[in-house]
Amino acid sequence: MDFILPKLLYWQLLVTPQLPETTFDGQTIIVTGGNSGLGLEAVRHFVKMDAKRVIIACRSVSKGQAAKADIEASTGRTGVVDVMEVDLASYASVKSFATQVNALDRLDVIVENAGIQTTEFEMVEEDESTITVNVVSTFLMALLVLPKLQESASKFGISPRLCIMSSEVHFMTNINKELKNPSFFDALRDKKQAQMGFNRYAQSKLIEVLYCRALAAKMNESGQSSVILNYVNPGLCHSSLGGDAGRTLPARIFKGLLARSTEVGARTEVAAAAQKRDSHGTFINNGVISQWVCPIIPLFRVNTFRPSVFVRSEQGRIAEQRIYEELNAKLEKIHPGITRNI
């Protein structure tokens, strides 16, 4: 059983993520959704920490350019930030973006920060929009840029990082009903059964965690040990995620009491991008691989980098393998041969 509430309160009220003591000098970094919220502040941090090139990947080029101007004004560094267009609601857009990425000379880090939470059920491409954006397109992009990360590792003798923005909310939901269906993704497309808003968002994050664990293991098996994959929890932060649902009075009160600033939350993304090999396949919480120390009984410690009890259970292991296989089949349909990149 997950006793998540005490840990959540501790993390939100008593833990302040810190920036890593490092530099990103000479590095090329991509942040999806880098025009606003956590992504924008992560880009700002990377620029301040001497990155050679930081690419804002977003749906709106004009908003990306506005974000670029804001970052240049606040950091005093010009000629560092670029903007590239990508829309995770479109497989064609993701594939076009990946083609541009694979033409880069070098790629050190990609932070897949972009995601959505919506209260409306809408089909986008082949799935409900939250699943399309947060799951299918996220990993379509990940697998399509793996060759560039692998090439950069070999060419420059580096350990590139692929960081997937996850969340502690994967502790707060389940996919038991959907797993009973012969096709997991068919079940997620059932409008009558879908619980939109927070629960669907949490489900998407749980699916991300399960797929990341399987993907990290397969990367090890295939000898792609030079690329570091981790999945990151920024905690509850002030951002535009959630749309109208996030502007309700209860949500505003809850965020007002517990949420971190966007700048502080973005530190976790930067910290994940600086992690070493031991972070491969792990849940990076509060920017570190660490322990939760009970403030009342300091000897009581809990590993905070571990995902939920379900994820670590035998049932979770079975679900992980099934989701990995079903999602890979979807990705192969979208882009034949993509899984050979693993």
Protein backbone atom coordinates (compact mmCIF):
# COMPACT_ATOMS: atom_id res chain seq x y z
CA MET A 1 0.00 0.00 0.00
CA ASP A 2 1.25 3.50 -0.84
CA PHE A 3 1.19 5.99 2.04
CA ILE A 4 1.65 8.85 -0.38
CA LEU A 5 -0.04 11.76 1.43
CA PRO A 6 2.56 12.16 4.24
CA LYS A 7 5.37 12.02 1.70
CA LEU A 8 3.63 14.50 -0.58
CA LEU A 9 3.18 16.98 2.26
CA TYR A 10 6.79 16.53 3.28
CA TRP A 11 8.09 17.00 -0.27
CA GLN A 12 5.95 20.04 -0.98
CA LEU A 13 6.36 21.85 2.34
CA LEU A 14 9.80 20.84 3.60
CA VAL A 15 11.88 20.00 0.51
CA THR A 16 13.19 22.61 -1.90
CA PRO A 17 14.80 21.15 -5.04
CA GLN A 18 18.20 22.63 -5.84
CA LEU A 19 20.05 23.16 -9.08
CA PRO A 20 22.93 20.75 -9.67
CA GLU A 21 26.44 22.05 -9.11
CA THR A 22 27.51 21.63 -12.70
CA THR A 23 27.76 23.40 -16.02
CA PHE A 24 26.22 22.57 -19.37
CA ASP A 25 29.04 24.27 -21.23
CA GLY A 26 29.25 23.09 -24.85
CA GLN A 27 26.02 21.12 -24.68
CA THR A 28 23.01 21.15 -27.00
CA ILE A 29 19.72 20.71 -25.13
CA ILE A 30 16.11 20.40 -26.27
CA VAL A 31 13.13 21.17 -24.03
CA THR A 32 9.68 20.36 -25.38
CA GLY A 33 7.00 22.77 -24.24
CA GLY A 34 9.82 25.20 -23.51
CA ASN A 35 7.80 28.30 -24.25
CA SER A 36 5.87 28.37 -20.96
CA GLY A 37 5.65 27.03 -17.42
CA LEU A 38 8.25 24.58 -16.18
CA GLY A 39 9.73 24.22 -19.65
CA LEU A 40 10.37 27.94 -19.98
CA GLU A 41 12.10 28.13 -16.61
CA ALA A 42 14.14 25.01 -17.39
CA VAL A 43 15.36 26.64 -20.61
CA ARG A 44 16.26 29.77 -18.64
CA HIS A 45 18.28 27.68 -16.17
CA PHE A 46 20.12 25.83 -18.95
CA VAL A 47 21.04 29.14 -20.60
CA LYS A 48 22.28 30.55 -17.29
CA MET A 49 24.33 27.38 -16.78
CA ASP A 50 26.34 27.96 -19.95
CA ALA A 51 24.65 25.61 -22.43
CA LYS A 52 25.92 26.24 -25.94
CA ARG A 53 22.52 25.80 -27.59
CA VAL A 54 19.05 25.34 -26.10
CA ILE A 55 16.15 24.53 -28.40
CA ILE A 56 12.61 25.43 -27.42
CA ALA A 57 10.35 22.87 -29.08
CA CYS A 58 6.73 24.01 -29.07
CA ARG A 59 3.50 24.20 -31.09
CA SER A 60 3.55 27.95 -31.62
CA VAL A 61 6.69 29.44 -33.16
CA SER A 62 5.55 32.95 -32.26
CA LYS A 63 5.17 31.98 -28.58
CA GLY A 64 8.54 30.27 -28.76
CA GLN A 65 10.12 33.43 -30.13
CA ALA A 66 8.52 35.48 -27.35
CA ALA A 67 9.95 33.04 -24.80
CA LYS A 68 13.37 33.32 -26.47
CA ALA A 69 13.29 37.11 -26.22
CA ASP A 70 12.29 36.92 -22.55
CA ILE A 71 15.13 34.50 -21.75
CA GLU A 72 17.69 36.58 -23.61
CA ALA A 73 16.59 39.69 -21.73
CA SER A 74 16.79 37.98 -18.32
CA THR A 75 20.09 36.13 -18.88
CA GLY A 76 21.98 38.57 -21.07
CA ARG A 77 22.98 35.71 -23.38
CA THR A 78 22.05 35.89 -27.06
CA GLY A 79 22.61 33.44 -29.88
CA VAL A 80 21.95 30.48 -27.58
CA VAL A 81 18.21 29.83 -27.78
CA ASP A 82 16.56 28.50 -30.94
CA VAL A 83 12.91 27.63 -31.61
CA MET A 84 11.65 24.54 -33.42
CA GLU A 85 8.02 23.70 -34.13
CA VAL A 86 6.46 20.46 -32.94
CA ASP A 87 2.87 19.53 -32.12
CA LEU A 88 2.49 16.34 -30.08
CA ALA A 89 -1.12 16.09 -31.23
CA SER A 90 0.20 15.26 -34.72
CA TYR A 91 2.33 12.22 -35.50
CA ALA A 92 3.43 13.88 -38.74
CA SER A 93 4.68 16.89 -36.79
CA VAL A 94 6.61 14.70 -34.35
CA LYS A 95 8.24 12.81 -37.20
CA SER A 96 9.17 16.03 -39.00
CA PHE A 97 10.65 17.42 -35.78
CA ALA A 98 12.69 14.25 -35.22
CA THR A 99 14.11 14.52 -38.74
CA GLN A 100 15.38 18.01 -37.88
CA VAL A 101 16.80 16.79 -34.58
CA ASN A 102 18.64 13.94 -36.25
CA ALA A 103 20.26 16.48 -38.58
CA LEU A 104 21.85 18.33 -35.63
CA ASP A 105 25.58 17.95 -35.14
CA ARG A 106 25.14 17.05 -31.49
CA LEU A 107 22.47 16.35 -28.87
CA ASP A 108 23.36 16.07 -25.19
CA VAL A 109 19.95 16.29 -23.52
CA ILE A 110 16.30 16.15 -24.48
CA VAL A 111 13.78 16.97 -21.77
CA GLU A 112 10.32 15.81 -22.86
CA ASN A 113 8.44 18.28 -20.74
CA ALA A 114 5.35 18.91 -22.90
CA GLY A 115 2.07 17.37 -21.80
CA ILE A 116 -1.61 18.10 -21.33
CA GLN A 117 -4.41 17.62 -18.81
CA THR A 118 -7.94 18.12 -20.08
CA THR A 119 -11.47 17.62 -18.81
CA GLU A 120 -12.85 17.01 -22.30
CA PHE A 121 -12.74 13.67 -24.09
CA GLU A 122 -11.42 14.25 -27.59
CA MET A 123 -9.97 11.81 -30.09
CA VAL A 124 -6.66 12.95 -31.57
CA GLU A 125 -4.95 10.72 -34.12
CA GLU A 126 -5.94 7.22 -32.92
CA ASP A 127 -6.43 7.83 -29.20
CA GLU A 128 -7.92 10.13 -26.60
CA SER A 129 -5.91 13.36 -26.65
CA THR A 130 -4.19 12.90 -23.26
CA ILE A 131 -2.94 9.47 -24.30
CA THR A 132 -1.90 10.69 -27.74
CA VAL A 133 0.13 13.62 -26.40
CA ASN A 134 1.46 12.34 -23.06
CA VAL A 135 2.12 8.75 -24.09
CA VAL A 136 2.15 7.86 -27.78
CA SER A 137 3.76 11.02 -29.19
CA THR A 138 6.11 11.32 -26.22
CA PHE A 139 7.62 7.92 -26.92
CA LEU A 140 7.36 8.29 -30.68
CA MET A 141 9.67 11.28 -30.25
CA ALA A 142 11.91 9.46 -27.77
CA LEU A 143 12.55 6.50 -30.04
CA LEU A 144 12.98 8.68 -33.13
CA VAL A 145 15.72 10.79 -31.51
CA LEU A 146 17.53 7.86 -29.87
CA PRO A 147 19.82 7.48 -32.93
CA LYS A 148 21.03 11.06 -32.53
CA LEU A 149 21.64 10.55 -28.81
CA GLN A 150 23.54 7.34 -29.53
CA GLU A 151 25.55 8.98 -32.30
CA SER A 152 26.43 11.91 -30.05
CA ALA A 153 27.58 9.52 -27.34
CA SER A 154 29.95 7.80 -29.74
CA LYS A 155 31.15 10.94 -31.54
CA PHE A 156 31.78 13.12 -28.49
CA GLY A 157 32.39 10.54 -25.74
CA ILE A 158 29.42 11.72 -23.68
CA SER A 159 26.46 10.18 -21.87
CA PRO A 160 23.38 11.88 -23.35
CA ARG A 161 20.22 12.07 -21.23
CA LEU A 162 16.65 11.39 -22.28
CA CYS A 163 14.42 12.82 -19.54
CA ILE A 164 10.68 12.10 -19.51
CA MET A 165 8.62 14.41 -17.32
CA SER A 166 6.50 12.19 -15.10
CA SER A 167 4.73 12.88 -11.81
CA GLU A 168 4.00 11.59 -8.34
CA VAL A 169 0.36 11.41 -9.44
CA HIS A 170 1.11 7.96 -10.89
CA PHE A 171 0.80 6.80 -7.26
CA MET A 172 -2.81 8.03 -7.19
CA THR A 173 -4.53 6.03 -9.90
CA ASN A 174 -4.76 2.57 -11.42
CA ILE A 175 -5.31 0.96 -14.81
CA ASN A 176 -6.79 -2.31 -13.53
CA LYS A 177 -10.04 -1.98 -15.46
CA GLU A 178 -8.27 -1.17 -18.72
CA LEU A 179 -5.86 -4.06 -18.31
CA LYS A 180 -8.81 -6.49 -18.31
CA ASN A 181 -9.56 -5.56 -21.92
CA PRO A 182 -7.93 -7.67 -24.66
CA SER A 183 -6.53 -4.39 -26.04
CA PHE A 184 -5.28 -1.96 -23.41
CA PHE A 185 -5.33 1.07 -25.71
CA ASP A 186 -8.79 0.19 -27.00
CA ALA A 187 -10.01 0.39 -23.42
CA LEU A 188 -8.50 3.86 -23.03
CA ARG A 189 -10.46 4.96 -26.11
CA ASP A 190 -13.79 4.06 -24.49
CA LYS A 191 -15.43 7.43 -23.89
CA LYS A 192 -18.11 5.99 -21.60
CA GLN A 193 -15.52 4.53 -19.23
CA ALA A 194 -12.94 7.33 -19.31
CA GLN A 195 -12.58 9.51 -16.22
CA MET A 196 -11.16 12.70 -17.63
CA GLY A 197 -9.26 15.46 -15.86
CA PHE A 198 -6.94 14.45 -13.03
CA ASN A 199 -7.51 10.70 -13.26
CA ARG A 200 -6.81 10.45 -16.99
CA TYR A 201 -3.72 12.63 -16.57
CA ALA A 202 -2.55 10.40 -13.71
CA GLN A 203 -3.16 7.29 -15.83
CA SER A 204 -1.02 8.76 -18.60
CA LYS A 205 1.81 9.31 -16.11
CA LEU A 206 1.49 5.77 -14.78
CA ILE A 207 1.72 4.42 -18.34
CA GLU A 208 4.82 6.58 -18.90
CA VAL A 209 6.49 5.13 -15.82
CA LEU A 210 5.75 1.54 -16.85
CA TYR A 211 6.99 2.06 -20.39
CA CYS A 212 10.14 3.88 -19.24
CA ARG A 213 11.08 0.99 -16.97
CA ALA A 214 10.73 -1.53 -19.77
CA LEU A 215 12.49 0.73 -22.27
CA ALA A 216 15.45 1.29 -19.94
CA ALA A 217 15.86 -2.46 -19.49
CA LYS A 218 15.71 -3.07 -23.26
CA MET A 219 18.28 -0.32 -23.85
CA ASN A 220 20.62 -2.15 -21.49
CA GLU A 221 20.02 -5.47 -23.23
CA SER A 222 20.71 -3.98 -26.65
CA GLY A 223 23.97 -2.40 -25.53
CA GLN A 224 22.71 1.20 -25.65
CA SER A 225 24.19 1.87 -22.24
CA SER A 226 25.65 5.23 -23.23
CA VAL A 227 22.22 6.95 -23.23
CA ILE A 228 20.71 7.65 -19.80
CA LEU A 229 16.91 7.47 -19.57
CA ASN A 230 15.14 8.71 -16.46
CA TYR A 231 11.64 9.88 -15.57
CA VAL A 232 11.20 12.94 -13.45
CA ASN A 233 8.80 14.20 -10.78
CA PRO A 234 8.81 18.02 -10.47
CA GLY A 235 6.20 17.98 -7.71
CA LEU A 236 3.11 20.16 -7.59
CA CYS A 237 3.99 23.48 -9.21
CA HIS A 238 2.31 26.65 -10.33
CA SER A 239 1.77 26.24 -14.07
CA SER A 240 -0.92 26.35 -16.73
CA LEU A 241 -1.27 22.55 -16.75
CA GLY A 242 -4.87 21.54 -16.19
CA GLY A 243 -6.47 24.43 -18.06
CA ASP A 244 -9.90 25.33 -16.71
CA ALA A 245 -9.76 22.52 -14.15
CA GLY A 246 -6.69 24.14 -12.61
CA ARG A 247 -8.51 27.46 -12.23
CA THR A 248 -11.38 26.20 -10.05
CA LEU A 249 -11.51 27.56 -6.50
CA PRO A 250 -10.52 24.23 -4.81
CA ALA A 251 -7.60 23.79 -7.20
CA ARG A 252 -6.43 27.36 -6.63
CA ILE A 253 -6.61 26.93 -2.84
CA PHE A 254 -4.77 23.60 -2.99
CA LYS A 255 -2.05 25.05 -5.20
CA GLY A 256 -1.84 28.17 -3.09
CA LEU A 257 -1.09 26.09 -0.02
CA LEU A 258 1.25 23.49 -1.48
CA ALA A 259 2.54 24.34 -4.95
CA ARG A 260 6.15 25.19 -5.68
CA SER A 261 7.02 28.13 -7.86
CA THR A 262 7.56 27.37 -11.51
CA GLU A 263 11.23 28.26 -11.19
CA VAL A 264 11.77 25.85 -8.29
CA GLY A 265 9.90 23.06 -10.06
CA ALA A 266 12.02 23.55 -13.16
CA ARG A 267 15.14 22.86 -11.12
CA THR A 268 14.12 19.19 -11.06
CA GLU A 269 14.25 19.04 -14.87
CA VAL A 270 17.72 20.57 -14.90
CA ALA A 271 18.87 18.20 -12.15
CA ALA A 272 17.60 15.20 -14.10
CA ALA A 273 19.55 16.39 -17.14
CA ALA A 274 22.74 16.30 -15.07
CA GLN A 275 22.23 12.85 -13.55
CA LYS A 276 24.85 10.10 -13.80
CA ARG A 277 24.54 6.52 -15.00
CA ASP A 278 22.93 5.34 -11.75
CA SER A 279 19.79 7.29 -12.67
CA HIS A 280 19.13 5.16 -15.76
CA GLY A 281 15.61 3.76 -15.56
CA THR A 282 14.84 5.44 -12.24
CA PHE A 283 12.24 7.83 -10.85
CA ILE A 284 14.02 11.13 -10.15
CA ASN A 285 12.14 12.83 -7.33
CA ASN A 286 12.88 16.37 -6.14
CA GLY A 287 15.85 16.40 -8.50
CA VAL A 288 17.83 13.71 -6.72
CA ILE A 289 18.13 9.99 -6.16
CA SER A 290 17.60 10.24 -2.44
CA GLN A 291 15.72 9.12 0.63
CA TRP A 292 12.66 10.56 2.32
CA VAL A 293 13.55 11.11 5.97
CA CYS A 294 10.67 11.25 8.40
CA PRO A 295 10.88 14.66 10.16
CA ILE A 296 9.54 13.16 13.40
CA ILE A 297 11.47 9.87 13.42
CA PRO A 298 14.68 10.52 11.44
CA LEU A 299 15.63 6.84 11.47
CA PHE A 300 12.53 6.11 9.41
CA ARG A 301 13.66 6.51 5.79
CA VAL A 302 11.94 5.70 2.51
CA ASN A 303 13.62 5.57 -0.89
CA THR A 304 11.93 8.37 -2.80
CA PHE A 305 13.26 7.40 -6.20
CA ARG A 306 11.11 4.28 -6.23
CA PRO A 307 7.86 4.47 -8.17
CA SER A 308 4.54 3.29 -6.72
CA VAL A 309 3.94 -0.05 -5.03
CA PHE A 310 1.82 -1.15 -8.01
CA VAL A 311 4.64 -0.42 -10.45
CA ARG A 312 7.05 -2.50 -8.36
CA SER A 313 4.60 -5.40 -7.85
CA GLU A 314 4.31 -8.58 -9.90
CA GLN A 315 1.07 -7.23 -11.35
CA GLY A 316 2.92 -4.08 -12.29
CA ARG A 317 5.68 -6.07 -13.96
CA ILE A 318 3.11 -7.89 -16.09
CA ALA A 319 1.39 -4.61 -16.95
CA GLU A 320 4.76 -3.06 -17.82
CA GLN A 321 5.57 -5.77 -20.34
CA ARG A 322 2.11 -5.70 -21.86
CA ILE A 323 2.09 -1.92 -22.26
CA TYR A 324 5.61 -2.01 -23.69
CA GLU A 325 4.58 -4.53 -26.33
CA GLU A 326 1.26 -2.84 -27.21
CA LEU A 327 2.74 0.64 -27.39
CA ASN A 328 5.64 -0.59 -29.52
CA ALA A 329 3.13 -2.15 -31.92
CA LYS A 330 1.37 1.22 -32.19
CA LEU A 331 4.68 3.00 -32.77
CA GLU A 332 5.66 0.51 -35.47
CA LYS A 333 2.38 1.22 -37.23
CA ILE A 334 3.07 4.97 -37.08
CA HIS A 335 6.72 4.66 -38.14
CA PRO A 336 7.72 1.18 -39.39
CA GLY A 337 11.11 0.05 -38.06
CA ILE A 338 11.17 2.51 -35.16
CA THR A 339 11.74 -0.12 -32.47
CA ARG A 340 15.03 -1.07 -34.14
CA ASN A 341 16.33 2.20 -32.67
CA ILE A 342 16.21 0.72 -29.17
